[in-house]
Amino acid sequence: QNLAFLLGYAISALRQCSSWTHVEILQALAALVYCNGSKCQKYLPDLLGKSGILMTLSDSAQPDPEVRRAAVHCMANLCLSVPGQPYLEEPYPNICFQAF
């Protein structure tokens, strides 16, 4: 419940806040999704869909390399899981791997 609220908040912040805040928001998002990818299913289209925020911010056209790095870090953390926990559902791992 807390994870869902915070994910929604972070996604909203990335869409609404000035670009100078994006690195810090992405760092917080990376911490939230660390080994929690399977618990983020509801938010994966917003994060990793065709026009997902992480897709946009990790794109090679992204002018700020720190924002791009932070977005890729979020993607990597989404893909991590601990033994006994479900993995991130397809096609999302492959979407992330293409960005790496």
C-alpha atoms as a PDB file:
ATOM      1  CA  GLN A   1       0.000   0.000   0.000  1.00  0.00           C
ATOM      2  CA  ASN A   2       2.791   2.452   0.896  1.00  0.00           C
ATOM      3  CA  LEU A   3       4.825   1.303  -2.114  1.00  0.00           C
ATOM      4  CA  ALA A   4       1.882   1.935  -4.441  1.00  0.00           C
ATOM      5  CA  PHE A   5       1.321   5.424  -3.037  1.00  0.00           C
ATOM      6  CA  LEU A   6       4.995   6.345  -3.313  1.00  0.00           C
ATOM      7  CA  LEU A   7       5.314   4.968  -6.854  1.00  0.00           C
ATOM      8  CA  GLY A   8       2.330   7.003  -7.986  1.00  0.00           C
ATOM      9  CA  TYR A   9       3.764  10.068  -6.267  1.00  0.00           C
ATOM     10  CA  ALA A  10       7.178   9.658  -7.915  1.00  0.00           C
ATOM     11  CA  ILE A  11       5.680   9.126 -11.376  1.00  0.00           C
ATOM     12  CA  SER A  12       3.490  12.189 -10.940  1.00  0.00           C
ATOM     13  CA  ALA A  13       6.475  14.230  -9.747  1.00  0.00           C
ATOM     14  CA  LEU A  14       8.533  13.226 -12.789  1.00  0.00           C
ATOM     15  CA  ARG A  15       5.715  14.335 -15.072  1.00  0.00           C
ATOM     16  CA  GLN A  16       4.972  17.623 -13.310  1.00  0.00           C
ATOM     17  CA  CYS A  17       8.171  18.907 -11.711  1.00  0.00           C
ATOM     18  CA  SER A  18      10.975  20.865 -13.345  1.00  0.00           C
ATOM     19  CA  SER A  19      13.708  18.860 -15.022  1.00  0.00           C
ATOM     20  CA  TRP A  20      16.300  19.981 -12.455  1.00  0.00           C
ATOM     21  CA  THR A  21      14.492  17.789  -9.890  1.00  0.00           C
ATOM     22  CA  HIS A  22      14.487  14.639 -12.019  1.00  0.00           C
ATOM     23  CA  VAL A  23      17.802  13.154 -10.869  1.00  0.00           C
ATOM     24  CA  GLU A  24      16.750  13.271  -7.211  1.00  0.00           C
ATOM     25  CA  ILE A  25      13.279  11.897  -7.956  1.00  0.00           C
ATOM     26  CA  LEU A  26      14.799   9.084 -10.018  1.00  0.00           C
ATOM     27  CA  GLN A  27      17.191   8.244  -7.168  1.00  0.00           C
ATOM     28  CA  ALA A  28      14.224   7.926  -4.817  1.00  0.00           C
ATOM     29  CA  LEU A  29      12.354   5.846  -7.404  1.00  0.00           C
ATOM     30  CA  ALA A  30      15.369   3.547  -7.806  1.00  0.00           C
ATOM     31  CA  ALA A  31      15.341   2.906  -4.056  1.00  0.00           C
ATOM     32  CA  LEU A  32      11.594   2.204  -4.118  1.00  0.00           C
ATOM     33  CA  VAL A  33      11.728  -0.334  -6.936  1.00  0.00           C
ATOM     34  CA  TYR A  34      14.899  -2.103  -5.735  1.00  0.00           C
ATOM     35  CA  CYS A  35      13.975  -5.812  -5.709  1.00  0.00           C
ATOM     36  CA  ASN A  36      10.294  -4.805  -5.895  1.00  0.00           C
ATOM     37  CA  GLY A  37       9.732  -5.126  -9.643  1.00  0.00           C
ATOM     38  CA  SER A  38       7.094  -7.822  -9.258  1.00  0.00           C
ATOM     39  CA  LYS A  39       5.167  -5.573  -6.855  1.00  0.00           C
ATOM     40  CA  CYS A  40       5.123  -2.692  -9.349  1.00  0.00           C
ATOM     41  CA  GLN A  41       3.001  -4.341 -12.075  1.00  0.00           C
ATOM     42  CA  LYS A  42       0.299  -1.676 -11.959  1.00  0.00           C
ATOM     43  CA  TYR A  43       2.864   1.043 -12.684  1.00  0.00           C
ATOM     44  CA  LEU A  44       4.973  -0.710 -15.318  1.00  0.00           C
ATOM     45  CA  PRO A  45       3.060   0.759 -18.291  1.00  0.00           C
ATOM     46  CA  ASP A  46       3.650   4.260 -16.863  1.00  0.00           C
ATOM     47  CA  LEU A  47       7.317   3.491 -16.278  1.00  0.00           C
ATOM     48  CA  LEU A  48       8.275   1.198 -19.159  1.00  0.00           C
ATOM     49  CA  GLY A  49       5.444   1.436 -21.690  1.00  0.00           C
ATOM     50  CA  LYS A  50       5.948   2.967 -25.140  1.00  0.00           C
ATOM     51  CA  SER A  51       5.679   6.486 -23.728  1.00  0.00           C
ATOM     52  CA  GLY A  52       6.723   5.492 -20.205  1.00  0.00           C
ATOM     53  CA  ILE A  53       8.641   8.003 -18.156  1.00  0.00           C
ATOM     54  CA  LEU A  54      11.727   5.784 -17.792  1.00  0.00           C
ATOM     55  CA  MET A  55      11.733   5.106 -21.526  1.00  0.00           C
ATOM     56  CA  THR A  56      11.720   8.824 -22.250  1.00  0.00           C
ATOM     57  CA  LEU A  57      14.337   9.721 -19.659  1.00  0.00           C
ATOM     58  CA  SER A  58      16.707   6.858 -20.593  1.00  0.00           C
ATOM     59  CA  ASP A  59      16.532   7.545 -24.330  1.00  0.00           C
ATOM     60  CA  SER A  60      19.791   8.389 -26.098  1.00  0.00           C
ATOM     61  CA  ALA A  61      18.177  11.708 -27.080  1.00  0.00           C
ATOM     62  CA  GLN A  62      18.045  12.681 -23.379  1.00  0.00           C
ATOM     63  CA  PRO A  63      20.340  15.729 -23.168  1.00  0.00           C
ATOM     64  CA  ASP A  64      21.260  15.322 -19.478  1.00  0.00           C
ATOM     65  CA  PRO A  65      23.546  12.298 -18.954  1.00  0.00           C
ATOM     66  CA  GLU A  66      22.844  12.242 -15.192  1.00  0.00           C
ATOM     67  CA  VAL A  67      19.097  11.972 -15.791  1.00  0.00           C
ATOM     68  CA  ARG A  68      19.694   9.203 -18.322  1.00  0.00           C
ATOM     69  CA  ARG A  69      21.981   7.328 -15.908  1.00  0.00           C
ATOM     70  CA  ALA A  70      19.454   7.656 -13.072  1.00  0.00           C
ATOM     71  CA  ALA A  71      16.635   6.370 -15.316  1.00  0.00           C
ATOM     72  CA  VAL A  72      18.721   3.342 -16.357  1.00  0.00           C
ATOM     73  CA  HIS A  73      19.510   2.727 -12.675  1.00  0.00           C
ATOM     74  CA  CYS A  74      15.752   2.598 -11.975  1.00  0.00           C
ATOM     75  CA  MET A  75      15.326   0.090 -14.788  1.00  0.00           C
ATOM     76  CA  ALA A  76      18.121  -2.091 -13.419  1.00  0.00           C
ATOM     77  CA  ASN A  77      16.591  -2.043  -9.935  1.00  0.00           C
ATOM     78  CA  LEU A  78      13.196  -3.019 -11.365  1.00  0.00           C
ATOM     79  CA  CYS A  79      14.811  -6.107 -12.904  1.00  0.00           C
ATOM     80  CA  LEU A  80      16.439  -7.257  -9.651  1.00  0.00           C
ATOM     81  CA  SER A  81      14.729  -9.827  -7.502  1.00  0.00           C
ATOM     82  CA  VAL A  82      15.612 -11.890  -4.479  1.00  0.00           C
ATOM     83  CA  PRO A  83      15.331 -15.682  -4.331  1.00  0.00           C
ATOM     84  CA  GLY A  84      11.775 -16.779  -3.740  1.00  0.00           C
ATOM     85  CA  GLN A  85      10.270 -13.597  -5.180  1.00  0.00           C
ATOM     86  CA  PRO A  86       8.638 -13.473  -8.605  1.00  0.00           C
ATOM     87  CA  TYR A  87      10.551 -11.932 -11.462  1.00  0.00           C
ATOM     88  CA  LEU A  88       9.465  -8.933 -13.485  1.00  0.00           C
ATOM     89  CA  GLU A  89       6.904 -10.114 -16.049  1.00  0.00           C
ATOM     90  CA  GLU A  90       7.663 -10.113 -19.764  1.00  0.00           C
ATOM     91  CA  PRO A  91       8.074  -8.025 -21.869  1.00  0.00           C
ATOM     92  CA  TYR A  92       9.457  -5.589 -19.301  1.00  0.00           C
ATOM     93  CA  PRO A  93      12.861  -7.206 -18.633  1.00  0.00           C
ATOM     94  CA  ASN A  94      13.617  -7.210 -22.363  1.00  0.00           C
ATOM     95  CA  ILE A  95      12.569  -3.564 -22.628  1.00  0.00           C
ATOM     96  CA  CYS A  96      15.033  -2.735 -19.858  1.00  0.00           C
ATOM     97  CA  PHE A  97      17.815  -4.863 -21.358  1.00  0.00           C
ATOM     98  CA  GLN A  98      17.530  -2.945 -24.640  1.00  0.00           C
ATOM     99  CA  ALA A  99      18.189   0.286 -22.754  1.00  0.00           C
ATOM    100  CA  PHE A 100      21.284  -1.193 -21.076  1.00  0.00           C
END
